[in-house]
Amino acid sequence: MPTLVFSVAACQAPQSVDQIELSAQDSSFADILSDLHFADASVYTEALELNTEATSSEARDSILALHGLDEVSFMTLAEPLINEPGRLLAVYNLALDRAQDR
């Protein structure tokens, strides 16, 4: 569900996201998002191969734990970004760039 929140908020962002300066915390959050996307993709791919339903809550919890977070602390970090759609889009774009570099 948080990915949906990020996607909807990012769609409302101004187009000048390239000019937004990101903090170290924003950069770390982009790493977390990138890792979460990989975990979701892995779970989905495995479910397709096994012809089962994809459930990624366990994978998500593991990724968050690797970053020293749980769902509540993750959402606490996300909340300020949700209120700044331009910054959110810049962080999300950074997460996608990092995912492509893997």
N, C-alpha and C. Protein backbone atom coordinates (compact mmCIF):
# COMPACT_ATOMS: atom_id res chain seq x y z
N MET A 1 0.80 -1.21 0.00
CA MET A 1 0.00 0.00 0.00
C MET A 1 0.84 1.27 0.00
N PRO A 2 1.97 1.34 0.75
CA PRO A 2 2.77 2.56 0.72
C PRO A 2 3.26 2.91 -0.67
N THR A 3 3.56 1.91 -1.52
CA THR A 3 4.01 2.20 -2.87
C THR A 3 2.93 2.96 -3.62
N LEU A 4 1.68 2.59 -3.42
CA LEU A 4 0.58 3.30 -4.05
C LEU A 4 0.52 4.73 -3.59
N VAL A 5 0.71 4.95 -2.31
CA VAL A 5 0.70 6.31 -1.76
C VAL A 5 1.80 7.13 -2.42
N PHE A 6 3.00 6.54 -2.56
CA PHE A 6 4.10 7.26 -3.18
C PHE A 6 3.80 7.56 -4.64
N SER A 7 3.23 6.61 -5.33
CA SER A 7 2.93 6.79 -6.74
C SER A 7 1.91 7.89 -6.96
N VAL A 8 0.86 7.91 -6.16
CA VAL A 8 -0.18 8.93 -6.30
C VAL A 8 0.37 10.31 -5.96
N ALA A 9 1.11 10.40 -4.87
CA ALA A 9 1.68 11.69 -4.48
C ALA A 9 2.69 12.17 -5.50
N ALA A 10 3.48 11.27 -6.05
CA ALA A 10 4.48 11.65 -7.03
C ALA A 10 3.86 12.19 -8.30
N CYS A 11 2.67 11.72 -8.66
CA CYS A 11 2.00 12.19 -9.85
C CYS A 11 1.57 13.65 -9.73
N GLN A 12 1.49 14.15 -8.52
CA GLN A 12 1.06 15.52 -8.31
C GLN A 12 2.24 16.48 -8.18
N ALA A 13 3.44 15.99 -8.39
CA ALA A 13 4.64 16.79 -8.17
C ALA A 13 4.88 17.77 -9.31
N PRO A 14 5.52 18.90 -9.00
CA PRO A 14 5.89 19.82 -10.06
C PRO A 14 6.95 19.19 -10.95
N GLN A 15 7.13 19.71 -12.16
CA GLN A 15 8.04 19.09 -13.11
C GLN A 15 9.51 19.43 -12.87
N SER A 16 9.83 20.35 -12.00
CA SER A 16 11.21 20.78 -11.79
C SER A 16 11.92 19.96 -10.72
N VAL A 17 11.69 18.64 -10.69
CA VAL A 17 12.28 17.80 -9.66
C VAL A 17 13.80 17.70 -9.78
N ASP A 18 14.35 17.96 -10.96
CA ASP A 18 15.80 17.90 -11.13
C ASP A 18 16.50 18.98 -10.33
N GLN A 19 15.80 20.02 -9.96
CA GLN A 19 16.39 21.13 -9.22
C GLN A 19 16.29 20.96 -7.71
N ILE A 20 15.64 19.90 -7.26
CA ILE A 20 15.46 19.67 -5.83
C ILE A 20 16.72 19.03 -5.27
N GLU A 21 17.29 19.64 -4.24
CA GLU A 21 18.47 19.10 -3.59
C GLU A 21 18.02 18.10 -2.52
N LEU A 22 18.56 16.89 -2.62
CA LEU A 22 18.16 15.83 -1.70
C LEU A 22 19.15 15.72 -0.54
N SER A 23 18.62 15.43 0.64
CA SER A 23 19.43 15.27 1.85
C SER A 23 19.99 13.84 1.91
N ALA A 24 20.87 13.61 2.86
CA ALA A 24 21.39 12.26 3.09
C ALA A 24 20.26 11.32 3.49
N GLN A 25 19.30 11.83 4.26
CA GLN A 25 18.15 11.01 4.65
C GLN A 25 17.31 10.64 3.42
N ASP A 26 17.14 11.59 2.49
CA ASP A 26 16.43 11.29 1.25
C ASP A 26 17.14 10.20 0.47
N SER A 27 18.46 10.29 0.42
CA SER A 27 19.26 9.30 -0.29
C SER A 27 19.11 7.92 0.35
N SER A 28 19.15 7.87 1.66
CA SER A 28 18.96 6.60 2.37
C SER A 28 17.56 6.04 2.13
N PHE A 29 16.57 6.92 2.10
CA PHE A 29 15.21 6.48 1.85
C PHE A 29 15.08 5.91 0.43
N ALA A 30 15.79 6.50 -0.52
CA ALA A 30 15.79 5.98 -1.89
C ALA A 30 16.37 4.57 -1.91
N ASP A 31 17.42 4.32 -1.11
CA ASP A 31 17.98 2.96 -1.03
C ASP A 31 16.94 1.97 -0.50
N ILE A 32 16.21 2.39 0.51
CA ILE A 32 15.18 1.52 1.09
C ILE A 32 14.11 1.22 0.04
N LEU A 33 13.65 2.25 -0.66
CA LEU A 33 12.63 2.04 -1.70
C LEU A 33 13.13 1.10 -2.79
N SER A 34 14.37 1.28 -3.20
CA SER A 34 14.94 0.42 -4.22
C SER A 34 14.97 -1.03 -3.75
N ASP A 35 15.42 -1.25 -2.52
CA ASP A 35 15.45 -2.60 -1.96
C ASP A 35 14.05 -3.20 -1.86
N LEU A 36 13.08 -2.38 -1.48
CA LEU A 36 11.69 -2.87 -1.39
C LEU A 36 11.16 -3.27 -2.76
N HIS A 37 11.49 -2.50 -3.78
CA HIS A 37 11.05 -2.85 -5.13
C HIS A 37 11.65 -4.18 -5.57
N PHE A 38 12.94 -4.37 -5.28
CA PHE A 38 13.56 -5.65 -5.64
C PHE A 38 12.93 -6.81 -4.89
N ALA A 39 12.63 -6.62 -3.63
CA ALA A 39 11.98 -7.69 -2.85
C ALA A 39 10.60 -8.01 -3.42
N ASP A 40 9.83 -6.98 -3.74
CA ASP A 40 8.51 -7.20 -4.33
C ASP A 40 8.61 -7.93 -5.66
N ALA A 41 9.56 -7.52 -6.48
CA ALA A 41 9.74 -8.16 -7.80
C ALA A 41 10.14 -9.62 -7.64
N SER A 42 11.01 -9.88 -6.68
CA SER A 42 11.45 -11.25 -6.44
C SER A 42 10.30 -12.14 -5.99
N VAL A 43 9.51 -11.64 -5.07
CA VAL A 43 8.35 -12.40 -4.57
C VAL A 43 7.36 -12.64 -5.71
N TYR A 44 7.10 -11.62 -6.51
CA TYR A 44 6.16 -11.74 -7.62
C TYR A 44 6.66 -12.76 -8.65
N THR A 45 7.95 -12.69 -8.98
CA THR A 45 8.52 -13.61 -9.95
C THR A 45 8.45 -15.05 -9.45
N GLU A 46 8.77 -15.24 -8.18
CA GLU A 46 8.70 -16.58 -7.60
C GLU A 46 7.27 -17.11 -7.61
N ALA A 47 6.31 -16.23 -7.31
CA ALA A 47 4.90 -16.66 -7.31
C ALA A 47 4.46 -17.06 -8.71
N LEU A 48 4.92 -16.33 -9.72
CA LEU A 48 4.58 -16.70 -11.10
C LEU A 48 5.14 -18.08 -11.46
N GLU A 49 6.39 -18.31 -11.06
CA GLU A 49 7.04 -19.59 -11.36
C GLU A 49 6.34 -20.75 -10.65
N LEU A 50 5.86 -20.50 -9.44
CA LEU A 50 5.21 -21.55 -8.66
C LEU A 50 3.70 -21.58 -8.84
N ASN A 51 3.19 -20.63 -9.63
CA ASN A 51 1.76 -20.50 -9.87
C ASN A 51 1.00 -20.36 -8.55
N THR A 52 1.50 -19.48 -7.69
CA THR A 52 0.86 -19.20 -6.41
C THR A 52 0.59 -17.71 -6.30
N GLU A 53 -0.05 -17.34 -5.22
CA GLU A 53 -0.33 -15.93 -4.97
C GLU A 53 0.91 -15.25 -4.38
N ALA A 54 1.18 -14.05 -4.85
CA ALA A 54 2.34 -13.30 -4.35
C ALA A 54 1.97 -12.56 -3.07
N THR A 55 2.70 -12.84 -2.01
CA THR A 55 2.55 -12.08 -0.77
C THR A 55 3.94 -11.66 -0.33
N SER A 56 4.15 -10.36 -0.22
CA SER A 56 5.50 -9.88 0.04
C SER A 56 5.68 -9.28 1.43
N SER A 57 4.73 -9.49 2.34
CA SER A 57 4.86 -8.87 3.66
C SER A 57 6.08 -9.38 4.41
N GLU A 58 6.40 -10.66 4.27
CA GLU A 58 7.57 -11.20 4.94
C GLU A 58 8.85 -10.62 4.35
N ALA A 59 8.91 -10.55 3.03
CA ALA A 59 10.08 -9.96 2.36
C ALA A 59 10.20 -8.49 2.72
N ARG A 60 9.08 -7.79 2.74
CA ARG A 60 9.09 -6.37 3.09
C ARG A 60 9.61 -6.17 4.51
N ASP A 61 9.12 -6.97 5.44
CA ASP A 61 9.57 -6.87 6.83
C ASP A 61 11.07 -7.13 6.93
N SER A 62 11.58 -8.10 6.16
CA SER A 62 13.01 -8.41 6.18
C SER A 62 13.84 -7.25 5.66
N ILE A 63 13.40 -6.63 4.57
CA ILE A 63 14.13 -5.49 3.99
C ILE A 63 14.12 -4.33 4.98
N LEU A 64 12.97 -4.06 5.56
CA LEU A 64 12.90 -2.96 6.53
C LEU A 64 13.82 -3.25 7.72
N ALA A 65 13.83 -4.49 8.18
CA ALA A 65 14.69 -4.85 9.31
C ALA A 65 16.17 -4.67 8.96
N LEU A 66 16.55 -4.99 7.72
CA LEU A 66 17.94 -4.78 7.29
C LEU A 66 18.34 -3.30 7.39
N HIS A 67 17.36 -2.44 7.24
CA HIS A 67 17.60 -1.00 7.33
C HIS A 67 17.32 -0.47 8.74
N GLY A 68 17.06 -1.37 9.68
CA GLY A 68 16.82 -0.97 11.07
C GLY A 68 15.45 -0.35 11.29
N LEU A 69 14.49 -0.75 10.44
CA LEU A 69 13.16 -0.16 10.51
C LEU A 69 12.09 -1.23 10.67
N ASP A 70 10.92 -0.79 11.09
CA ASP A 70 9.70 -1.59 10.99
C ASP A 70 8.71 -0.74 10.18
N GLU A 71 7.51 -1.24 9.99
CA GLU A 71 6.54 -0.53 9.15
C GLU A 71 6.21 0.86 9.71
N VAL A 72 6.09 0.96 11.02
CA VAL A 72 5.75 2.25 11.64
C VAL A 72 6.86 3.27 11.43
N SER A 73 8.10 2.85 11.67
CA SER A 73 9.21 3.80 11.50
C SER A 73 9.42 4.15 10.03
N PHE A 74 9.15 3.19 9.13
CA PHE A 74 9.23 3.47 7.70
C PHE A 74 8.22 4.55 7.31
N MET A 75 7.00 4.39 7.77
CA MET A 75 5.96 5.37 7.43
C MET A 75 6.24 6.73 8.09
N THR A 76 6.88 6.72 9.24
CA THR A 76 7.28 7.97 9.89
C THR A 76 8.29 8.70 9.02
N LEU A 77 9.21 7.96 8.41
CA LEU A 77 10.17 8.56 7.48
C LEU A 77 9.49 9.03 6.20
N ALA A 78 8.49 8.29 5.77
CA ALA A 78 7.81 8.60 4.51
C ALA A 78 6.88 9.80 4.61
N GLU A 79 6.32 10.02 5.76
CA GLU A 79 5.29 11.05 5.91
C GLU A 79 5.72 12.44 5.43
N PRO A 80 6.89 12.93 5.80
CA PRO A 80 7.29 14.25 5.30
C PRO A 80 7.41 14.29 3.77
N LEU A 81 7.82 13.18 3.18
CA LEU A 81 7.92 13.13 1.72
C LEU A 81 6.55 13.19 1.06
N ILE A 82 5.59 12.55 1.67
CA ILE A 82 4.23 12.54 1.11
C ILE A 82 3.67 13.96 1.07
N ASN A 83 4.10 14.77 2.02
CA ASN A 83 3.64 16.16 2.08
C ASN A 83 4.41 17.09 1.15
N GLU A 84 5.47 16.59 0.52
CA GLU A 84 6.26 17.36 -0.44
C GLU A 84 6.38 16.56 -1.74
N PRO A 85 5.36 16.62 -2.58
CA PRO A 85 5.34 15.77 -3.78
C PRO A 85 6.55 15.93 -4.69
N GLY A 86 7.09 17.12 -4.82
CA GLY A 86 8.26 17.31 -5.67
C GLY A 86 9.47 16.57 -5.14
N ARG A 87 9.70 16.68 -3.85
CA ARG A 87 10.81 15.97 -3.22
C ARG A 87 10.58 14.47 -3.27
N LEU A 88 9.34 14.05 -3.06
CA LEU A 88 9.01 12.63 -3.13
C LEU A 88 9.34 12.07 -4.51
N LEU A 89 8.97 12.79 -5.54
CA LEU A 89 9.25 12.33 -6.90
C LEU A 89 10.76 12.27 -7.14
N ALA A 90 11.50 13.24 -6.64
CA ALA A 90 12.95 13.23 -6.79
C ALA A 90 13.56 12.02 -6.08
N VAL A 91 13.08 11.71 -4.89
CA VAL A 91 13.58 10.55 -4.14
C VAL A 91 13.20 9.26 -4.87
N TYR A 92 11.99 9.19 -5.36
CA TYR A 92 11.54 8.00 -6.07
C TYR A 92 12.34 7.80 -7.36
N ASN A 93 12.60 8.89 -8.07
CA ASN A 93 13.42 8.80 -9.28
C ASN A 93 14.83 8.30 -8.95
N LEU A 94 15.38 8.78 -7.84
CA LEU A 94 16.69 8.32 -7.39
C LEU A 94 16.64 6.82 -7.09
N ALA A 95 15.57 6.36 -6.44
CA ALA A 95 15.43 4.93 -6.15
C ALA A 95 15.38 4.12 -7.44
N LEU A 96 14.66 4.61 -8.43
CA LEU A 96 14.58 3.91 -9.71
C LEU A 96 15.93 3.89 -10.42
N ASP A 97 16.65 5.03 -10.37
CA ASP A 97 17.99 5.09 -10.97
C ASP A 97 18.91 4.06 -10.31
N ARG A 98 18.85 3.97 -9.01
CA ARG A 98 19.71 3.02 -8.30
C ARG A 98 19.31 1.59 -8.62
N ALA A 99 18.03 1.35 -8.79
CA ALA A 99 17.57 0.00 -9.15
C ALA A 99 18.08 -0.38 -10.54
N GLN A 100 18.10 0.57 -11.45
CA GLN A 100 18.59 0.29 -12.81
C GLN A 100 20.08 0.02 -12.83
N ASP A 101 20.80 0.60 -11.87
CA ASP A 101 22.26 0.44 -11.83
C ASP A 101 22.68 -0.90 -11.24
N ARG A 102 21.74 -1.64 -10.69
CA ARG A 102 22.08 -2.95 -10.08
C ARG A 102 22.34 -3.99 -11.14
